Amino acid sequence: MTRTPQVLRIARGFTLTEVLIVVGAIVLLLALALPMWSVLLGHRSIEAAQNIISAALGRVREQALASQEQRGIAFYVDPATDRVMMAVVYNDDPGGKPDQLELLGDTERIALPVGVGVSFINNDTRPRNGSSRPSRYVLPGVIMFDGHGQLVARDFVIRRRNLLGQLVLPADQQFMLGITQLGMVLYDRQALSGQAEADHDNWLDANGLAVLVNRYNGTLMRGE
């Protein structure tokens, strides 16, 4: 009985060229996927900001109804953290022109997710900072409810505060003023920063998420 000789097989490894091809393909896939992943995360952050704002507006509207006085949310950028913050305000002088809004001292400040920006329609048509025309969008801004829980749109002013837990505007901005708003635009601040300043308004028009506040019940609605 003869035995068939066994053939010794040597496992063949990958060549350097094959490894480089695989690594190159992985790098290419990551390069294509990361921007899309960033977009998805940005959308999630904006949706999270929308939910946070909606909850805050609901709470402050209930406070306005309970106290029978004007209360609202002031939006501003905290110079220390560079994040958009929300603070509860009330009308200290209902008969004043403009309304003198004061911060409600016993409420905490609420931060929006990192990288999310908020802008309001600019009702002031005067050119600013040497520009030939004003921007269509501004921040800070305020959304205000009256004692019946309905939105109001009036001129307001909030004085700059100190560093003891109160609202602190940039050093060159002594007042936060404007017209209380009925809606806002949420956007990705990093994406906007990559645009030329002259194109900011058009970019916000095309890419910002417009959100309107229902005048009667304070709920948020997507605008156009």
Protein backbone atom coordinates (compact mmCIF):
# COMPACT_ATOMS: atom_id res chain seq x y z
CA MET A 1 0.00 0.00 0.00
CA THR A 2 1.52 3.19 -1.13
CA ARG A 3 0.96 6.45 0.62
CA THR A 4 0.26 9.62 -1.27
CA PRO A 5 2.93 12.10 -0.33
CA GLN A 6 1.53 15.12 1.59
CA VAL A 7 2.20 18.50 0.14
CA LEU A 8 3.24 21.13 2.65
CA ARG A 9 1.26 24.32 2.04
CA ILE A 10 2.71 27.60 3.23
CA ALA A 11 0.19 30.29 4.19
CA ARG A 12 0.59 33.32 1.96
CA GLY A 13 0.50 36.75 3.66
CA PHE A 14 -0.49 40.11 2.25
CA THR A 15 2.01 42.00 0.22
CA LEU A 16 2.92 45.57 1.08
CA THR A 17 1.06 46.79 -1.99
CA GLU A 18 -2.15 45.02 -0.94
CA VAL A 19 -1.93 46.46 2.59
CA LEU A 20 -1.43 49.98 1.24
CA ILE A 21 -4.43 49.57 -1.07
CA VAL A 22 -6.67 48.48 1.84
CA VAL A 23 -5.43 51.31 4.10
CA GLY A 24 -5.96 53.80 1.30
CA ALA A 25 -9.52 52.57 0.77
CA ILE A 26 -10.28 52.90 4.51
CA VAL A 27 -8.86 56.44 4.60
CA LEU A 28 -10.95 57.37 1.56
CA LEU A 29 -14.13 56.00 3.14
CA LEU A 30 -13.44 57.90 6.35
CA ALA A 31 -12.82 61.11 4.43
CA LEU A 32 -16.17 60.71 2.70
CA ALA A 33 -18.05 59.70 5.84
CA LEU A 34 -16.78 62.27 8.37
CA PRO A 35 -18.39 65.34 6.74
CA MET A 36 -21.71 63.54 6.52
CA TRP A 37 -21.36 62.43 10.15
CA SER A 38 -20.66 66.02 11.17
CA VAL A 39 -23.78 67.14 9.31
CA LEU A 40 -25.86 64.52 11.07
CA LEU A 41 -24.46 65.53 14.46
CA GLY A 42 -25.11 69.17 13.64
CA HIS A 43 -28.71 68.43 12.78
CA ARG A 44 -29.10 66.48 16.01
CA SER A 45 -27.64 69.41 17.98
CA ILE A 46 -30.03 71.86 16.32
CA GLU A 47 -32.97 69.57 17.01
CA ALA A 48 -31.80 69.27 20.63
CA ALA A 49 -31.59 73.07 20.85
CA GLN A 50 -35.11 73.34 19.44
CA ASN A 51 -36.38 70.98 22.15
CA ILE A 52 -34.55 72.89 24.90
CA ILE A 53 -35.96 76.22 23.68
CA SER A 54 -39.45 74.77 23.39
CA ALA A 55 -39.34 73.48 26.98
CA ALA A 56 -37.97 76.80 28.30
CA LEU A 57 -40.65 78.82 26.50
CA GLY A 58 -43.35 76.53 27.86
CA ARG A 59 -42.11 77.03 31.42
CA VAL A 60 -41.79 80.81 31.15
CA ARG A 61 -45.25 81.09 29.58
CA GLU A 62 -46.68 79.22 32.58
CA GLN A 63 -44.85 81.67 34.85
CA ALA A 64 -46.33 84.62 32.95
CA LEU A 65 -49.83 83.19 33.38
CA ALA A 66 -49.28 82.44 37.07
CA SER A 67 -47.76 85.83 37.90
CA GLN A 68 -49.99 87.81 35.53
CA GLU A 69 -46.97 89.78 34.35
CA GLN A 70 -44.82 89.84 31.24
CA ARG A 71 -42.09 87.23 31.27
CA GLY A 72 -39.85 85.88 28.58
CA ILE A 73 -36.53 84.38 27.52
CA ALA A 74 -33.48 86.48 26.69
CA PHE A 75 -30.97 84.90 24.29
CA TYR A 76 -27.34 86.05 24.33
CA VAL A 77 -23.80 84.75 23.87
CA ASP A 78 -21.85 84.21 27.10
CA PRO A 79 -18.41 85.82 26.56
CA ALA A 80 -16.81 83.32 28.96
CA THR A 81 -17.98 80.14 27.22
CA ASP A 82 -18.90 81.47 23.76
CA ARG A 83 -22.19 79.56 23.96
CA VAL A 84 -25.71 80.82 23.38
CA MET A 85 -27.46 81.15 26.73
CA MET A 86 -31.07 81.66 27.80
CA ALA A 87 -32.18 83.65 30.85
CA VAL A 88 -35.66 84.41 32.19
CA VAL A 89 -36.63 88.10 32.16
CA TYR A 90 -39.68 90.06 33.27
CA ASN A 91 -41.01 93.54 32.49
CA ASP A 92 -40.11 95.82 35.37
CA ASP A 93 -41.82 98.85 33.82
CA PRO A 94 -44.88 97.81 31.73
CA GLY A 95 -45.69 101.42 30.86
CA GLY A 96 -42.18 102.33 29.82
CA LYS A 97 -40.96 102.99 26.30
CA PRO A 98 -38.95 100.92 25.73
CA ASP A 99 -39.90 98.17 28.18
CA GLN A 100 -37.33 97.86 30.96
CA LEU A 101 -36.71 94.11 31.18
CA GLU A 102 -35.04 92.70 34.28
CA LEU A 103 -33.45 89.31 34.88
CA LEU A 104 -35.29 86.94 37.19
CA GLY A 105 -32.57 86.35 39.75
CA ASP A 106 -33.67 82.98 41.14
CA THR A 107 -33.60 81.09 37.84
CA GLU A 108 -30.61 79.37 36.32
CA ARG A 109 -29.16 80.21 32.94
CA ILE A 110 -29.70 77.55 30.28
CA ALA A 111 -27.00 76.83 27.70
CA LEU A 112 -27.82 75.62 24.20
CA PRO A 113 -25.73 72.76 22.75
CA VAL A 114 -22.16 73.63 21.77
CA GLY A 115 -21.95 75.01 18.25
CA VAL A 116 -25.62 75.99 17.90
CA GLY A 117 -26.33 79.61 17.01
CA VAL A 118 -29.53 81.65 17.31
CA SER A 119 -30.40 84.78 15.36
CA PHE A 120 -33.43 87.04 15.25
CA ILE A 121 -34.80 89.27 12.51
CA ASN A 122 -33.18 92.70 12.72
CA ASN A 123 -35.86 95.36 12.94
CA ASP A 124 -33.30 98.17 13.20
CA THR A 125 -32.49 99.41 9.70
CA ARG A 126 -29.66 101.73 10.77
CA PRO A 127 -26.19 100.71 9.49
CA ARG A 128 -23.85 99.45 12.21
CA ASN A 129 -20.05 99.24 12.60
CA GLY A 130 -19.38 101.33 9.51
CA SER A 131 -21.34 98.94 7.28
CA SER A 132 -23.37 100.40 4.43
CA ARG A 133 -26.33 98.26 5.43
CA PRO A 134 -27.35 96.41 8.60
CA SER A 135 -27.48 92.64 8.87
CA ARG A 136 -30.91 91.04 8.57
CA TYR A 137 -30.15 88.93 11.66
CA VAL A 138 -29.11 89.92 15.17
CA LEU A 139 -28.34 88.51 18.62
CA PRO A 140 -29.12 89.15 21.53
CA GLY A 141 -32.88 88.87 21.38
CA VAL A 142 -35.94 88.28 23.54
CA ILE A 143 -39.19 86.28 23.22
CA MET A 144 -41.82 87.66 25.61
CA PHE A 145 -45.25 86.57 26.87
CA ASP A 146 -47.86 88.79 28.52
CA GLY A 147 -50.01 87.93 31.55
CA HIS A 148 -52.47 86.11 29.26
CA GLY A 149 -49.75 83.83 27.88
CA GLN A 150 -49.73 85.50 24.47
CA LEU A 151 -46.67 86.79 22.63
CA VAL A 152 -45.85 90.47 22.65
CA ALA A 153 -43.61 92.40 20.26
CA ARG A 154 -42.37 95.65 21.79
CA ASP A 155 -39.17 97.66 22.14
CA PHE A 156 -37.09 96.53 25.12
CA VAL A 157 -33.83 97.25 26.89
CA ILE A 158 -31.84 95.20 29.43
CA ARG A 159 -28.93 96.83 31.23
CA ARG A 160 -25.55 95.12 31.30
CA ARG A 161 -25.02 93.18 34.53
CA ASN A 162 -22.03 92.49 36.77
CA LEU A 163 -20.11 89.26 37.27
CA LEU A 164 -22.21 88.02 40.22
CA GLY A 165 -24.22 85.44 38.32
CA GLN A 166 -26.12 88.00 36.31
CA LEU A 167 -26.30 88.46 32.56
CA VAL A 168 -22.96 89.77 31.28
CA LEU A 169 -22.77 91.26 27.81
CA PRO A 170 -19.45 91.96 26.02
CA ALA A 171 -17.56 94.89 27.53
CA ASP A 172 -18.38 97.20 24.62
CA GLN A 173 -22.12 96.51 24.85
CA GLN A 174 -23.72 98.30 27.79
CA PHE A 175 -27.31 97.52 26.83
CA MET A 176 -29.15 94.64 25.26
CA LEU A 177 -31.92 96.21 23.24
CA GLY A 178 -34.21 95.56 20.32
CA ILE A 179 -37.75 94.41 19.69
CA THR A 180 -39.18 91.28 21.32
CA GLN A 181 -39.50 88.64 18.62
CA LEU A 182 -41.99 86.06 17.38
CA GLY A 183 -39.44 83.63 15.99
CA MET A 184 -35.78 82.84 15.40
CA VAL A 185 -33.31 81.01 13.17
CA LEU A 186 -31.18 78.14 14.52
CA TYR A 187 -27.95 77.26 12.73
CA ASP A 188 -24.51 75.64 12.90
CA ARG A 189 -22.12 78.35 14.10
CA GLN A 190 -19.03 76.57 12.79
CA ALA A 191 -20.52 76.27 9.32
CA LEU A 192 -21.46 79.96 9.35
CA SER A 193 -17.98 80.98 10.47
CA GLY A 194 -16.58 79.52 7.25
CA GLN A 195 -18.59 81.99 5.18
CA ALA A 196 -17.52 85.49 4.23
CA GLU A 197 -19.19 88.05 6.50
CA ALA A 198 -20.95 89.65 3.54
CA ASP A 199 -22.59 86.27 2.79
CA HIS A 200 -23.85 85.55 6.34
CA ASP A 201 -27.40 86.75 5.70
CA ASN A 202 -27.78 84.73 2.50
CA TRP A 203 -26.27 81.65 4.17
CA LEU A 204 -28.73 81.92 7.07
CA ASP A 205 -31.59 82.34 4.60
CA ALA A 206 -30.59 79.11 2.86
CA ASN A 207 -29.31 76.96 5.75
CA GLY A 208 -30.81 78.24 9.00
CA LEU A 209 -33.75 76.46 10.58
CA ALA A 210 -36.53 79.04 10.90
CA VAL A 211 -38.65 78.51 14.01
CA LEU A 212 -41.78 80.50 14.86
CA VAL A 213 -43.52 80.75 18.21
CA ASN A 214 -47.28 80.30 18.21
CA ARG A 215 -48.70 83.63 19.32
CA TYR A 216 -51.42 82.07 21.48
CA ASN A 217 -49.98 78.94 23.09
CA GLY A 218 -46.20 79.41 22.89
CA THR A 219 -45.44 76.21 20.97
CA LEU A 220 -42.67 76.16 18.38
CA MET A 221 -43.43 75.69 14.70
CA ARG A 222 -41.02 75.32 11.81
CA GLY A 223 -41.17 78.34 9.54
CA GLU A 224 -40.01 79.01 6.02
